[in-house]
Protein backbone atom coordinates (compact mmCIF):
# COMPACT_ATOMS: atom_id res chain seq x y z
CA MET A 1 -3.21 35.14 -6.05
CA PHE A 2 -6.80 34.02 -6.19
CA ILE A 3 -7.59 31.44 -3.54
CA ASN A 4 -9.35 29.10 -5.97
CA ARG A 5 -6.30 28.95 -8.25
CA SER A 6 -3.93 27.53 -5.66
CA GLN A 7 -2.85 23.91 -5.45
CA ALA A 8 -4.05 23.81 -1.84
CA TRP A 9 -7.55 24.79 -3.02
CA SER A 10 -7.56 22.06 -5.66
CA LEU A 11 -6.57 19.46 -3.08
CA LEU A 12 -9.26 20.66 -0.68
CA GLN A 13 -11.89 20.60 -3.42
CA ARG A 14 -10.90 17.07 -4.49
CA HIS A 15 -11.01 15.93 -0.85
CA ALA A 16 -14.49 17.46 -0.43
CA ASP A 17 -15.75 15.76 -3.57
CA THR A 18 -14.33 12.32 -2.83
CA ASP A 19 -14.15 11.93 0.97
CA VAL A 20 -16.54 14.40 2.56
CA ARG A 21 -19.51 14.37 0.23
CA SER A 22 -20.33 10.76 1.14
CA LEU A 23 -20.44 11.38 4.92
CA ARG A 24 -23.83 10.68 6.45
CA LEU A 25 -25.31 11.55 9.85
CA ALA A 26 -24.64 8.01 11.10
CA ASP A 27 -20.97 8.51 10.22
CA LEU A 28 -20.88 11.80 12.09
CA CYS A 29 -22.23 10.26 15.30
CA GLN A 30 -19.59 7.56 15.79
CA GLU A 31 -17.91 7.76 19.19
CA ASP A 32 -14.34 7.82 17.89
CA ARG A 33 -15.23 10.69 15.57
CA VAL A 34 -16.74 12.72 18.39
CA THR A 35 -13.63 12.43 20.55
CA SER A 36 -11.29 13.32 17.67
CA MET A 37 -13.30 16.31 16.43
CA VAL A 38 -13.79 18.12 19.74
CA ALA A 39 -11.15 20.41 21.24
CA VAL A 40 -11.23 22.02 24.68
CA HIS A 41 -8.96 24.81 25.86
CA ASN A 42 -9.04 25.96 29.47
CA SER A 43 -7.28 29.21 30.26
CA THR A 44 -6.60 30.63 33.69
CA VAL A 45 -5.46 33.98 32.30
CA ASP A 46 -7.81 36.74 33.42
CA VAL A 47 -8.11 39.30 30.63
CA GLU A 48 -9.85 41.82 32.89
CA GLU A 49 -6.95 41.70 35.35
CA GLY A 50 -4.33 42.60 32.77
CA GLY A 51 -3.45 39.04 31.80
CA LYS A 52 -2.55 37.83 35.30
CA SER A 53 -2.76 34.08 35.89
CA GLY A 54 -5.22 32.68 38.36
CA GLY A 55 -8.90 33.16 38.84
CA ALA A 56 -11.82 31.12 37.54
CA GLY A 57 -10.46 30.74 34.02
CA HIS A 58 -12.16 30.65 30.68
CA LEU A 59 -13.23 27.63 28.72
CA LEU A 60 -13.24 27.38 24.93
CA LEU A 61 -14.97 24.38 23.42
CA VAL A 62 -14.78 23.73 19.68
CA ASP A 63 -16.99 20.90 18.42
CA PHE A 64 -16.71 19.93 14.75
CA SER A 65 -18.11 16.45 15.30
CA ARG A 66 -21.44 17.09 13.53
CA GLN A 67 -19.91 18.97 10.63
CA ARG A 68 -19.38 17.33 7.26
CA MET A 69 -15.61 17.35 7.60
CA THR A 70 -12.78 15.10 8.73
CA LEU A 71 -9.40 15.67 10.32
CA ASP A 72 -8.02 15.63 6.78
CA THR A 73 -10.37 18.50 5.95
CA ILE A 74 -8.90 20.55 8.79
CA ASN A 75 -5.38 19.77 7.55
CA HIS A 76 -6.34 20.83 4.02
CA LEU A 77 -7.83 24.07 5.39
CA LEU A 78 -4.66 24.77 7.36
CA ARG A 79 -2.53 24.20 4.24
CA LEU A 80 -4.80 26.56 2.33
CA SER A 81 -4.42 29.22 5.01
CA VAL A 82 -0.64 28.96 4.75
CA ALA A 83 -0.71 29.04 0.93
CA THR A 84 -2.84 32.20 0.93
CA GLN A 85 -0.94 33.85 3.81
CA ILE A 86 -4.15 34.31 5.75
CA ASN A 87 -2.29 34.90 9.06
CA GLU A 88 -0.57 37.95 7.59
CA ARG A 89 -3.85 39.27 6.22
CA ILE A 90 -5.59 38.85 9.58
CA HIS A 91 -2.69 40.62 11.30
CA ASP A 92 -2.81 43.48 8.79
CA LEU A 93 -6.57 43.88 9.24
CA ALA A 94 -6.21 43.85 13.03
CA TRP A 95 -3.67 46.69 12.78
CA GLY A 96 -5.74 48.67 10.30
CA ARG A 97 -3.55 47.98 7.28
CA LEU A 98 -5.25 47.21 4.00
CA ALA A 99 -4.13 45.36 0.92
CA SER A 100 -2.73 47.66 -1.75
CA GLY A 101 -5.42 49.44 -3.70
CA GLN A 102 -8.11 49.04 -1.04
CA LYS A 103 -9.72 52.05 0.57
CA THR A 104 -10.79 52.48 4.17
CA ALA A 105 -14.47 53.03 4.93
CA GLN A 106 -13.71 56.73 5.53
CA GLN A 107 -11.98 57.05 2.16
CA LYS A 108 -14.93 55.37 0.42
CA TYR A 109 -17.35 57.72 2.19
CA ASN A 110 -15.29 60.78 1.27
CA HIS A 111 -15.14 59.67 -2.35
CA SER A 112 -18.88 58.95 -2.56
CA THR A 113 -19.82 62.30 -1.05
CA GLY A 114 -17.16 64.34 -2.85
CA TYR A 115 -15.65 65.48 0.47
CA ASN A 116 -12.03 66.66 0.09
CA GLY A 117 -11.25 67.73 3.64
């Protein structure tokens, strides 16, 4: 399935055209928007210590407040990711599995050079 042929894509595109396009910098700087479009995650899991809890921790800050998007945009993007099974694709890529018909970089190199070994 092509991503731009899904219903989720159509809804996202309509949302972008009607709700997001009109956002201005003044809209993006409103206090309530800033607090709703910033997420903070604090982890005390130490990756270098084999995942043991404790230690100084790690902080992840995601700030979408100055982006031309709304919370509805994020919801539309999440629906699109479900509709296109993006989680499965990311998992497959992480484990070195490719979509059917795709070649690995090594296979492409071998084909381009004529190597058969």
